[in-house]
Amino acid sequence: MLRQTKDLQDLAIDATDGALGDVKDLYFDDQAWVIRYLVIEAGSWLSSRKVLISPIAAGTPDWSANLLPVSLTREQVKNSPVIDSDKPVSRQQEMDFMGYYGYPYYWGGAGLWGEGASPGMLMSGYSNLGAGQSSGRPQVAEAYEQADATAHQDDDLHLRSCKAVKGYHIHASDGDIGHVQGLIVDVETWAIRYVIVDTSNWWLGHQVLIPPQWIQEVSWADDKVSVNLTRQAVKDAPHYDASAQLDRKQESKIYEHYGRPGYWESGK
């Protein structure tokens, strides 16, 4: 199911033993364009501390109740590694986080999540007994992960705030065309499928969708996103109606307009 990030930011998080807090932001990987973490502001039970929750723990959202269940206890979250969400998250902090929860690493594979296309596939066949317990991993697998961790501990991270990118200018191959109004996420894979572009400063105020795969460059210093499309191509693209649920038929029209294959054809 495809949902705007603003819908995800309205969710309350429900642990297996009670309420955790509310989603305040989402961190996405600007290379793979996948949501990697939900930033949760815990309630008074944790002094309103901000914590990270991985989509690996996420269940199926209850949109009518604005609720997202997670397969974690409040005690697990309380004892999780402290990460300052107002500062860049290092790879070492990610490894500590993954190790604490007993999660395999998502980086290094050919898929969106390791070798898989979704968080569930990442965990398939992987024993997770919870924080503070042995993960039950075979010694060979543990040795492999340790070697992988060492190789990636100094990686340049590309985690970005979904809130921060809103308002960035969109630059086509022949000039500016609008600004980022929001992002649309596939809640099964947590992949960002579209950037919502508001063209109101150029044309008569309509919105269009551009897949992130067509982004050439994001200049975080200049608040600018460059896309490999012409202004005319964007102007003539199917309009996006934020009040209607986006379906595969509408998605197909977008890709047909630009003469490019849909992401579903690649299996990612």
Protein backbone atom coordinates (compact mmCIF):
# COMPACT_ATOMS: atom_id res chain seq x y z
CA MET A 1 0.00 0.00 0.00
CA LEU A 2 1.22 3.49 -0.88
CA ARG A 3 0.91 6.26 1.70
CA GLN A 4 2.28 9.76 2.08
CA THR A 5 4.96 10.28 4.71
CA LYS A 6 2.68 12.80 6.41
CA ASP A 7 0.27 9.90 7.07
CA LEU A 8 3.08 7.91 8.68
CA GLN A 9 4.05 10.92 10.78
CA ASP A 10 0.54 10.96 12.26
CA LEU A 11 0.85 7.42 13.65
CA ALA A 12 1.05 6.45 17.31
CA ILE A 13 3.30 3.48 18.11
CA ASP A 14 1.91 0.58 20.10
CA ALA A 15 4.33 -1.88 21.70
CA THR A 16 3.29 -5.39 22.72
CA ASP A 17 2.67 -4.13 26.27
CA GLY A 18 1.44 -0.58 25.81
CA ALA A 19 1.84 2.75 24.05
CA LEU A 20 5.36 3.84 23.10
CA GLY A 21 4.87 7.31 21.68
CA ASP A 22 4.28 9.14 18.41
CA VAL A 23 6.16 9.25 15.11
CA LYS A 24 7.89 12.61 14.75
CA ASP A 25 10.03 12.00 11.67
CA LEU A 26 11.31 9.35 9.29
CA TYR A 27 14.92 8.78 8.26
CA PHE A 28 15.46 7.60 4.71
CA ASP A 29 18.50 6.30 2.85
CA ASP A 30 19.12 8.78 0.01
CA GLN A 31 20.95 6.17 -2.09
CA ALA A 32 18.39 3.37 -1.98
CA TRP A 33 15.46 5.71 -1.17
CA VAL A 34 14.11 3.50 1.60
CA ILE A 35 12.81 4.46 5.05
CA ARG A 36 15.33 3.01 7.52
CA TYR A 37 14.05 4.38 10.84
CA LEU A 38 11.03 5.95 12.46
CA VAL A 39 11.90 8.66 14.98
CA ILE A 40 9.58 8.20 17.95
CA GLU A 41 8.99 10.70 20.71
CA ALA A 42 8.23 8.53 23.71
CA GLY A 43 5.69 9.69 26.25
CA SER A 44 6.14 10.70 29.85
CA TRP A 45 7.01 7.10 30.74
CA LEU A 46 10.41 7.72 29.12
CA SER A 47 10.72 11.46 29.80
CA SER A 48 9.72 12.19 26.18
CA ARG A 49 13.04 10.79 24.99
CA LYS A 50 13.35 10.29 21.22
CA VAL A 51 14.13 6.74 20.11
CA LEU A 52 14.58 4.99 16.78
CA ILE A 53 12.39 2.11 15.62
CA SER A 54 13.29 0.05 12.56
CA PRO A 55 10.58 -0.96 10.05
CA ILE A 56 11.84 -4.49 10.79
CA ALA A 57 9.73 -4.33 13.95
CA ALA A 58 6.68 -2.75 12.30
CA GLY A 59 3.39 -4.55 11.89
CA THR A 60 0.42 -3.58 9.72
CA PRO A 61 -0.77 0.00 10.34
CA ASP A 62 -4.34 0.59 11.50
CA TRP A 63 -5.06 3.70 9.47
CA SER A 64 -8.50 4.26 10.94
CA ALA A 65 -6.99 4.45 14.43
CA ASN A 66 -3.69 6.05 13.31
CA LEU A 67 -1.85 3.25 15.06
CA LEU A 68 1.27 1.25 14.15
CA PRO A 69 1.92 -1.92 16.19
CA VAL A 70 5.54 -3.00 16.68
CA SER A 71 6.95 -6.31 17.88
CA LEU A 72 8.83 -4.73 20.77
CA THR A 73 8.23 -4.26 24.49
CA ARG A 74 8.50 -0.95 26.28
CA GLU A 75 11.38 -2.39 28.31
CA GLN A 76 13.32 -3.24 25.13
CA VAL A 77 12.88 0.30 23.85
CA LYS A 78 13.76 1.78 27.23
CA ASN A 79 17.09 -0.09 27.30
CA SER A 80 17.94 0.44 23.64
CA PRO A 81 21.13 2.32 22.69
CA VAL A 82 20.74 6.07 23.15
CA ILE A 83 21.00 7.81 19.77
CA ASP A 84 20.71 11.57 19.41
CA SER A 85 18.22 11.85 16.55
CA ASP A 86 19.12 15.53 16.10
CA LYS A 87 22.60 14.55 14.92
CA PRO A 88 23.80 12.30 12.05
CA VAL A 89 23.52 8.59 12.87
CA SER A 90 26.86 6.85 12.41
CA ARG A 91 27.31 3.34 11.02
CA GLN A 92 28.73 2.26 14.37
CA GLN A 93 25.56 3.46 16.09
CA GLU A 94 23.51 1.52 13.54
CA MET A 95 25.53 -1.62 14.23
CA ASP A 96 25.00 -1.18 17.97
CA PHE A 97 21.29 -0.69 17.36
CA MET A 98 21.01 -3.76 15.12
CA GLY A 99 23.05 -5.85 17.51
CA TYR A 100 20.93 -4.85 20.48
CA TYR A 101 17.69 -5.93 18.80
CA GLY A 102 19.26 -8.96 17.13
CA TYR A 103 18.62 -7.72 13.60
CA PRO A 104 20.77 -8.62 10.58
CA TYR A 105 22.36 -5.71 8.71
CA TYR A 106 20.34 -4.26 5.83
CA TRP A 107 23.36 -2.93 3.93
CA GLY A 108 25.65 -4.80 1.57
CA GLY A 109 23.05 -6.82 -0.36
CA ALA A 110 21.50 -6.39 -3.78
CA GLY A 111 17.98 -5.84 -2.44
CA LEU A 112 16.35 -2.95 -0.61
CA TRP A 113 16.89 -4.87 2.65
CA GLY A 114 20.04 -6.95 2.36
CA GLU A 115 19.24 -9.57 -0.24
CA GLY A 116 15.49 -9.08 0.20
CA ALA A 117 12.91 -6.54 -0.92
CA SER A 118 11.25 -6.00 2.47
CA PRO A 119 12.14 -6.00 6.18
CA GLY A 120 10.29 -9.30 6.59
CA MET A 121 12.49 -10.95 3.97
CA LEU A 122 15.56 -9.63 5.76
CA MET A 123 14.43 -11.47 8.89
CA SER A 124 13.36 -14.65 7.09
CA GLY A 125 15.12 -17.64 8.65
CA TYR A 126 16.91 -15.39 11.11
CA SER A 127 16.42 -16.20 14.80
CA ASN A 128 15.80 -13.13 16.96
CA LEU A 129 15.34 -13.90 20.65
CA GLY A 130 15.18 -10.27 21.72
CA ALA A 131 17.43 -7.77 23.39
CA GLY A 132 19.88 -9.07 25.95
CA GLN A 133 19.69 -12.65 24.73
CA SER A 134 21.73 -14.81 22.38
CA SER A 135 20.52 -14.28 18.84
CA GLY A 136 20.73 -17.96 18.02
CA ARG A 137 22.80 -17.26 14.91
CA PRO A 138 25.16 -19.93 13.60
CA GLN A 139 28.81 -19.15 14.31
CA VAL A 140 29.58 -18.89 10.59
CA ALA A 141 26.83 -16.29 10.15
CA GLU A 142 28.08 -14.33 13.17
CA ALA A 143 31.63 -14.38 11.84
CA TYR A 144 30.42 -13.17 8.45
CA GLU A 145 28.44 -10.32 10.01
CA GLN A 146 31.38 -9.28 12.16
CA ALA A 147 33.61 -9.12 9.09
CA ASP A 148 30.91 -7.17 7.25
CA ALA A 149 30.56 -4.78 10.18
CA THR A 150 34.29 -4.12 10.20
CA ALA A 151 34.26 -3.44 6.46
CA HIS A 152 31.35 -0.99 6.71
CA GLN A 153 31.98 0.74 10.03
CA ASP A 154 33.48 3.82 8.36
CA ASP A 155 30.86 4.06 5.59
CA ASP A 156 29.60 7.50 4.62
CA LEU A 157 25.98 7.41 5.75
CA HIS A 158 23.15 8.77 3.69
CA LEU A 159 20.32 8.98 6.22
CA ARG A 160 18.10 12.03 5.73
CA SER A 161 15.06 13.49 7.41
CA CYS A 162 11.77 13.30 5.48
CA LYS A 163 10.64 16.48 7.20
CA ALA A 164 13.80 18.34 6.22
CA VAL A 165 13.52 17.54 2.50
CA LYS A 166 10.05 19.07 2.22
CA GLY A 167 10.27 22.40 0.37
CA TYR A 168 13.43 21.53 -1.59
CA HIS A 169 13.47 23.02 -5.09
CA ILE A 170 13.09 20.62 -8.03
CA HIS A 171 15.36 21.40 -10.97
CA ALA A 172 14.66 19.83 -14.39
CA SER A 173 17.22 19.50 -17.17
CA ASP A 174 16.15 22.91 -18.52
CA GLY A 175 15.09 24.87 -15.46
CA ASP A 176 13.18 24.86 -12.18
CA ILE A 177 9.78 23.19 -12.03
CA GLY A 178 8.58 23.23 -8.44
CA HIS A 179 9.33 22.08 -4.93
CA VAL A 180 9.06 18.89 -2.85
CA GLN A 181 5.62 18.72 -1.25
CA GLY A 182 6.10 15.27 0.26
CA LEU A 183 7.05 11.65 -0.35
CA ILE A 184 5.01 8.51 -1.02
CA VAL A 185 6.07 5.26 0.65
CA ASP A 186 5.27 1.62 -0.04
CA VAL A 187 4.44 0.52 3.50
CA GLU A 188 5.23 -3.14 2.72
CA THR A 189 8.80 -2.59 1.55
CA TRP A 190 9.22 0.91 3.07
CA ALA A 191 10.65 2.08 -0.25
CA ILE A 192 10.00 5.68 -1.28
CA ARG A 193 8.18 5.30 -4.59
CA TYR A 194 7.50 8.93 -5.47
CA VAL A 195 8.48 12.49 -4.74
CA ILE A 196 5.38 14.72 -4.74
CA VAL A 197 6.22 17.84 -6.73
CA ASP A 198 4.16 21.01 -6.31
CA THR A 199 4.38 23.10 -9.49
CA SER A 200 2.24 25.99 -8.21
CA ASN A 201 4.95 28.59 -8.77
CA TRP A 202 5.27 27.64 -12.43
CA TRP A 203 1.85 26.48 -13.62
CA LEU A 204 -1.69 26.42 -12.30
CA GLY A 205 -0.98 24.79 -8.99
CA HIS A 206 -1.16 21.08 -9.73
CA GLN A 207 0.99 18.31 -8.28
CA VAL A 208 2.85 15.54 -10.12
CA LEU A 209 4.80 12.48 -9.04
CA ILE A 210 8.43 11.72 -9.89
CA PRO A 211 10.07 8.40 -8.94
CA PRO A 212 13.35 8.92 -7.02
CA GLN A 213 15.17 6.66 -9.52
CA TRP A 214 15.04 9.56 -11.96
CA ILE A 215 16.81 11.93 -9.59
CA GLN A 216 20.28 12.80 -10.83
CA GLU A 217 21.51 14.61 -7.75
CA VAL A 218 20.38 15.97 -4.41
CA SER A 219 22.28 19.02 -3.24
CA TRP A 220 21.65 19.01 0.49
CA ALA A 221 23.65 22.21 0.91
CA ASP A 222 21.54 24.07 -1.67
CA ASP A 223 18.17 22.47 -0.84
CA LYS A 224 17.83 21.35 -4.45
CA VAL A 225 16.83 18.13 -6.23
CA SER A 226 17.87 17.70 -9.88
CA VAL A 227 15.89 15.32 -12.09
CA ASN A 228 16.64 13.87 -15.52
CA LEU A 229 13.43 15.25 -17.06
CA THR A 230 12.45 18.32 -19.07
CA ARG A 231 10.07 20.98 -17.78
CA GLN A 232 7.62 20.16 -20.55
CA ALA A 233 7.62 16.46 -19.70
CA VAL A 234 6.82 17.26 -16.08
CA LYS A 235 4.17 19.81 -17.07
CA ASP A 236 2.39 17.22 -19.25
CA ALA A 237 2.61 14.44 -16.66
CA PRO A 238 -0.57 13.01 -15.07
CA HIS A 239 -1.81 15.19 -12.23
CA TYR A 240 -1.63 13.77 -8.72
CA ASP A 241 -4.79 13.91 -6.60
CA ALA A 242 -3.72 13.69 -2.96
CA SER A 243 -7.30 12.97 -1.85
CA ALA A 244 -7.49 9.70 -3.84
CA GLN A 245 -5.69 6.42 -3.14
CA LEU A 246 -2.94 5.86 -5.71
CA ASP A 247 -3.39 2.53 -7.51
CA ARG A 248 -1.36 0.52 -10.05
CA LYS A 249 -3.42 1.84 -12.98
CA GLN A 250 -2.53 5.42 -12.09
CA GLU A 251 1.08 4.44 -11.50
CA SER A 252 1.25 2.81 -14.92
CA LYS A 253 0.07 6.04 -16.56
CA ILE A 254 2.97 7.91 -14.95
CA TYR A 255 5.58 5.48 -16.28
CA GLU A 256 3.89 5.26 -19.68
CA HIS A 257 3.96 9.05 -19.95
CA TYR A 258 7.71 9.09 -19.43
CA GLY A 259 8.27 5.95 -21.52
CA ARG A 260 10.01 4.07 -18.73
CA PRO A 261 9.40 0.66 -17.09
CA GLY A 262 7.64 0.53 -13.72
CA TYR A 263 9.54 -0.31 -10.56
CA TRP A 264 7.35 -3.41 -10.09
CA GLU A 265 8.90 -4.90 -13.24
CA SER A 266 12.31 -5.01 -11.56
CA GLY A 267 11.01 -6.74 -8.43
CA LYS A 268 12.30 -4.00 -6.10
